Amino acid sequence: MTTGERSGSLTVPDEFLLLTLKDDGGAFIDLPLETHRAGFVGAALMELALQDRLDYDTTQVWAVDPAATGSEGLDRVLARLSAPNLSNRSEQVIKRMIDLGDEVRDASLNRLCERGILVEAEGRVLWFLKTRRYPVTDGREIREVKLRLLEVLLHGKLPDPRDVCLMSLAETCGIIGEIVPQSDLAAARDRLAKFARMELIGQNVRQYLQMLQRAMILAIHADI
């Protein structure tokens, strides 16, 4: 993958956290613990891949650039992936790091609060309504992540690699129904399936996401 993090942009874990936030009252979607943790570890690995910090083949995932990213959550995952005693078998990689899921989420939560996108009030995290939009980057305003994905899923907009990562996370973690209205869910899932077969993001990205989806499912159901 070659779509690195732009200066000042949100990471995949940041935007995944926003997808788990309900629109009303600032509460988060209630996810099973293992799903929640696997989702954030998977999001971190996706971001590291987009930044060209790791590589993979059909059986393994490994770090190619262990230097700090500047993001606490990403750096924790990158350090674990670089550890010599970690099994880097691709289908076990998320299970081996699932304990880092809470740390990745907390780091994104702190980052979003520091940037004024979220604000903590009365012990809960609420939308900061005066800053519902993201900062301008690359000469354009990034719209709220949920609206952006709805445009891709329901209105024909072509996704970029980050959009595909987020849609993969949403479907694997079972929150796609929280983003798309129930009446449009079948059409959205049909479009997701088409993305998996198209060359919109390149074969290497698609194969990597498919591998991560399998690893997330194995981690989520490890104790069942």
Protein backbone atom coordinates (compact mmCIF):
# COMPACT_ATOMS: atom_id res chain seq x y z
CA MET A 1 0.00 0.00 0.00
CA THR A 2 1.21 3.45 -0.77
CA THR A 3 -1.42 5.80 0.64
CA GLY A 4 0.46 7.17 3.65
CA GLU A 5 -1.01 9.30 6.39
CA ARG A 6 -1.33 12.93 5.35
CA SER A 7 -0.18 15.55 7.82
CA GLY A 8 -3.08 16.42 10.10
CA SER A 9 -5.36 13.70 8.74
CA LEU A 10 -7.26 11.14 10.79
CA THR A 11 -5.98 7.59 10.97
CA VAL A 12 -8.01 4.46 10.25
CA PRO A 13 -8.40 3.80 14.02
CA ASP A 14 -9.58 7.41 14.50
CA GLU A 15 -12.26 7.07 11.85
CA PHE A 16 -13.23 3.58 13.00
CA LEU A 17 -13.82 5.04 16.45
CA LEU A 18 -16.11 7.66 14.91
CA LEU A 19 -18.04 4.88 13.19
CA THR A 20 -18.67 3.27 16.59
CA LEU A 21 -20.09 6.50 18.00
CA LYS A 22 -23.87 6.87 17.95
CA ASP A 23 -25.27 10.10 16.54
CA ASP A 24 -27.51 10.75 19.53
CA GLY A 25 -26.08 11.58 22.95
CA GLY A 26 -22.49 10.59 22.30
CA ALA A 27 -22.74 6.97 23.48
CA PHE A 28 -20.82 4.23 21.70
CA ILE A 29 -22.27 1.21 19.94
CA ASP A 30 -22.22 -1.77 22.30
CA LEU A 31 -19.77 -4.25 20.78
CA PRO A 32 -18.64 -7.56 22.26
CA LEU A 33 -15.25 -7.11 23.90
CA GLU A 34 -13.30 -9.32 21.48
CA THR A 35 -14.96 -7.69 18.47
CA HIS A 36 -14.09 -4.25 19.81
CA ARG A 37 -10.46 -5.18 20.46
CA ALA A 38 -9.96 -7.05 17.17
CA GLY A 39 -11.50 -4.13 15.29
CA PHE A 40 -9.07 -1.58 16.68
CA VAL A 41 -6.01 -3.82 16.24
CA GLY A 42 -7.14 -4.50 12.68
CA ALA A 43 -7.63 -0.77 12.10
CA ALA A 44 -4.11 -0.07 13.38
CA LEU A 45 -2.61 -2.71 11.09
CA MET A 46 -4.49 -1.23 8.14
CA GLU A 47 -3.15 2.23 8.92
CA LEU A 48 0.40 0.90 9.25
CA ALA A 49 0.03 -0.83 5.89
CA LEU A 50 -1.23 2.39 4.30
CA GLN A 51 1.87 4.10 5.68
CA ASP A 52 4.11 1.37 4.19
CA ARG A 53 5.25 0.33 7.68
CA LEU A 54 4.55 -3.37 7.17
CA ASP A 55 4.42 -6.01 4.49
CA TYR A 56 2.90 -9.46 4.13
CA ASP A 57 2.74 -12.58 2.03
CA THR A 58 0.29 -15.46 2.00
CA THR A 59 1.40 -16.71 5.41
CA GLN A 60 3.08 -13.89 7.38
CA VAL A 61 2.91 -10.20 8.30
CA TRP A 62 6.03 -8.30 9.35
CA ALA A 63 7.24 -4.76 10.04
CA VAL A 64 9.48 -3.17 7.43
CA ASP A 65 9.89 0.21 9.14
CA PRO A 66 9.75 0.06 12.96
CA ALA A 67 10.42 3.79 13.46
CA ALA A 68 7.88 5.62 15.61
CA THR A 69 4.86 7.01 13.77
CA GLY A 70 4.01 9.67 16.35
CA SER A 71 0.73 7.95 17.17
CA GLU A 72 0.80 6.15 20.52
CA GLY A 73 -1.67 3.44 19.51
CA LEU A 74 0.02 2.72 16.18
CA ASP A 75 3.45 2.66 17.81
CA ARG A 76 2.34 0.05 20.36
CA VAL A 77 1.10 -2.25 17.59
CA LEU A 78 4.19 -1.63 15.47
CA ALA A 79 6.50 -2.41 18.41
CA ARG A 80 4.64 -5.65 19.13
CA LEU A 81 4.76 -6.64 15.46
CA SER A 82 8.53 -5.98 15.46
CA ALA A 83 9.17 -8.10 18.57
CA PRO A 84 11.39 -11.10 17.75
CA ASN A 85 9.32 -13.51 19.84
CA LEU A 86 5.95 -12.69 18.21
CA SER A 87 4.49 -15.26 15.86
CA ASN A 88 3.77 -13.29 12.69
CA ARG A 89 1.58 -15.87 11.00
CA SER A 90 -0.94 -13.78 9.13
CA GLU A 91 -4.07 -15.51 10.40
CA GLN A 92 -2.89 -15.30 14.03
CA VAL A 93 -1.48 -11.78 14.05
CA ILE A 94 -4.57 -10.04 15.47
CA LYS A 95 -5.17 -12.74 18.07
CA ARG A 96 -1.57 -12.31 19.26
CA MET A 97 -2.07 -8.56 19.71
CA ILE A 98 -5.72 -8.40 20.72
CA ASP A 99 -4.82 -7.11 24.19
CA LEU A 100 -3.66 -3.87 22.51
CA GLY A 101 -7.14 -3.10 21.19
CA ASP A 102 -8.13 -0.99 24.18
CA GLU A 103 -4.90 0.99 23.97
CA VAL A 104 -5.41 1.73 20.27
CA ARG A 105 -8.96 2.91 20.96
CA ASP A 106 -7.93 5.07 23.93
CA ALA A 107 -5.15 6.67 21.90
CA SER A 108 -7.62 7.58 19.15
CA LEU A 109 -10.12 8.88 21.68
CA ASN A 110 -7.48 11.14 23.22
CA ARG A 111 -6.37 12.30 19.79
CA LEU A 112 -9.91 13.21 18.72
CA CYS A 113 -10.56 15.06 21.97
CA GLU A 114 -7.27 16.97 21.66
CA ARG A 115 -8.26 18.07 18.16
CA GLY A 116 -11.68 19.25 19.30
CA ILE A 117 -13.58 16.73 17.17
CA LEU A 118 -14.91 15.11 20.36
CA VAL A 119 -15.25 16.62 23.79
CA GLU A 120 -15.57 14.76 27.09
CA ALA A 121 -18.45 15.96 29.20
CA GLU A 122 -19.95 14.49 32.37
CA GLY A 123 -17.80 11.41 31.97
CA ARG A 124 -19.04 10.69 28.45
CA VAL A 125 -17.67 11.58 25.03
CA LEU A 126 -20.06 13.76 23.05
CA TRP A 127 -19.93 15.26 19.58
CA PHE A 128 -18.49 18.78 19.70
CA LEU A 129 -21.19 20.26 17.48
CA LYS A 130 -19.22 23.37 16.50
CA THR A 131 -16.61 21.16 14.83
CA ARG A 132 -18.67 18.44 13.15
CA ARG A 133 -16.53 18.77 10.06
CA TYR A 134 -12.94 17.67 9.68
CA PRO A 135 -10.10 20.16 8.99
CA VAL A 136 -9.27 21.05 5.41
CA THR A 137 -6.47 18.89 3.98
CA ASP A 138 -5.13 18.66 0.42
CA GLY A 139 -7.33 21.60 -0.57
CA ARG A 140 -10.61 19.92 0.27
CA GLU A 141 -12.86 19.52 3.30
CA ILE A 142 -13.15 15.98 4.59
CA ARG A 143 -16.75 15.25 5.41
CA GLU A 144 -17.90 13.30 8.38
CA VAL A 145 -16.82 9.70 7.92
CA LYS A 146 -20.31 8.22 8.12
CA LEU A 147 -21.62 10.51 5.40
CA ARG A 148 -18.58 9.79 3.24
CA LEU A 149 -19.15 6.04 3.44
CA LEU A 150 -22.84 6.44 2.74
CA GLU A 151 -21.94 8.26 -0.47
CA VAL A 152 -19.76 5.30 -1.45
CA LEU A 153 -22.26 2.61 -0.47
CA LEU A 154 -25.48 4.21 -1.64
CA HIS A 155 -24.74 7.02 -4.07
CA GLY A 156 -22.12 5.63 -6.42
CA LYS A 157 -19.01 7.46 -5.20
CA LEU A 158 -15.82 5.46 -5.81
CA PRO A 159 -13.92 4.62 -2.59
CA ASP A 160 -10.27 5.29 -1.87
CA PRO A 161 -8.19 2.69 0.04
CA ARG A 162 -9.07 4.22 3.42
CA ASP A 163 -12.78 4.01 2.61
CA VAL A 164 -12.38 0.34 1.70
CA CYS A 165 -10.52 -0.31 4.97
CA LEU A 166 -13.31 1.30 6.99
CA MET A 167 -16.05 -0.54 5.13
CA SER A 168 -14.21 -3.82 5.68
CA LEU A 169 -13.95 -3.08 9.42
CA ALA A 170 -17.61 -2.08 9.67
CA GLU A 171 -18.80 -5.25 7.96
CA THR A 172 -16.46 -7.61 9.84
CA CYS A 173 -17.33 -6.07 13.23
CA GLY A 174 -21.06 -6.09 12.53
CA ILE A 175 -21.70 -2.34 12.63
CA ILE A 176 -22.55 -1.76 8.98
CA GLY A 177 -26.22 -1.79 10.00
CA GLU A 178 -25.52 1.14 12.34
CA ILE A 179 -24.24 3.20 9.41
CA VAL A 180 -26.63 2.26 6.62
CA PRO A 181 -30.44 2.46 7.03
CA GLN A 182 -32.02 -0.99 7.23
CA SER A 183 -33.98 -0.35 4.04
CA ASP A 184 -30.70 0.15 2.15
CA LEU A 185 -28.63 -2.54 3.86
CA ALA A 186 -29.01 -5.22 1.18
CA ALA A 187 -27.97 -2.79 -1.55
CA ALA A 188 -25.01 -1.60 0.50
CA ARG A 189 -23.80 -5.16 1.10
CA ASP A 190 -24.16 -5.92 -2.59
CA ARG A 191 -21.97 -2.91 -3.37
CA LEU A 192 -19.43 -4.04 -0.76
CA ALA A 193 -19.24 -7.43 -2.47
CA LYS A 194 -18.63 -5.74 -5.81
CA PHE A 195 -15.76 -3.72 -4.34
CA ALA A 196 -14.11 -6.98 -3.29
CA ARG A 197 -14.02 -8.06 -6.94
CA MET A 198 -13.07 -4.76 -8.56
CA GLU A 199 -9.65 -3.26 -9.24
CA LEU A 200 -10.47 0.00 -7.46
CA ILE A 201 -7.72 -0.35 -4.88
CA GLY A 202 -5.34 -2.81 -6.47
CA GLN A 203 -4.93 -6.53 -6.00
CA ASN A 204 -2.36 -6.26 -3.20
CA VAL A 205 -4.62 -4.07 -1.05
CA ARG A 206 -7.60 -6.32 -1.63
CA GLN A 207 -5.65 -9.46 -0.69
CA TYR A 208 -4.31 -7.78 2.44
CA LEU A 209 -7.78 -6.74 3.59
CA GLN A 210 -9.12 -10.24 2.96
CA MET A 211 -6.28 -11.67 5.05
CA LEU A 212 -6.97 -9.20 7.89
CA GLN A 213 -10.69 -9.98 7.78
CA ARG A 214 -9.91 -13.68 8.29
CA ALA A 215 -7.53 -12.85 11.14
CA MET A 216 -10.12 -10.63 12.82
CA ILE A 217 -12.82 -13.30 12.58
CA LEU A 218 -10.45 -15.88 14.10
CA ALA A 219 -9.57 -13.50 16.95
CA ILE A 220 -13.20 -12.58 17.63
CA HIS A 221 -14.28 -16.20 17.87
CA ALA A 222 -11.13 -17.57 19.52
CA ASP A 223 -12.83 -18.36 22.81
CA ILE A 224 -16.15 -19.58 21.42
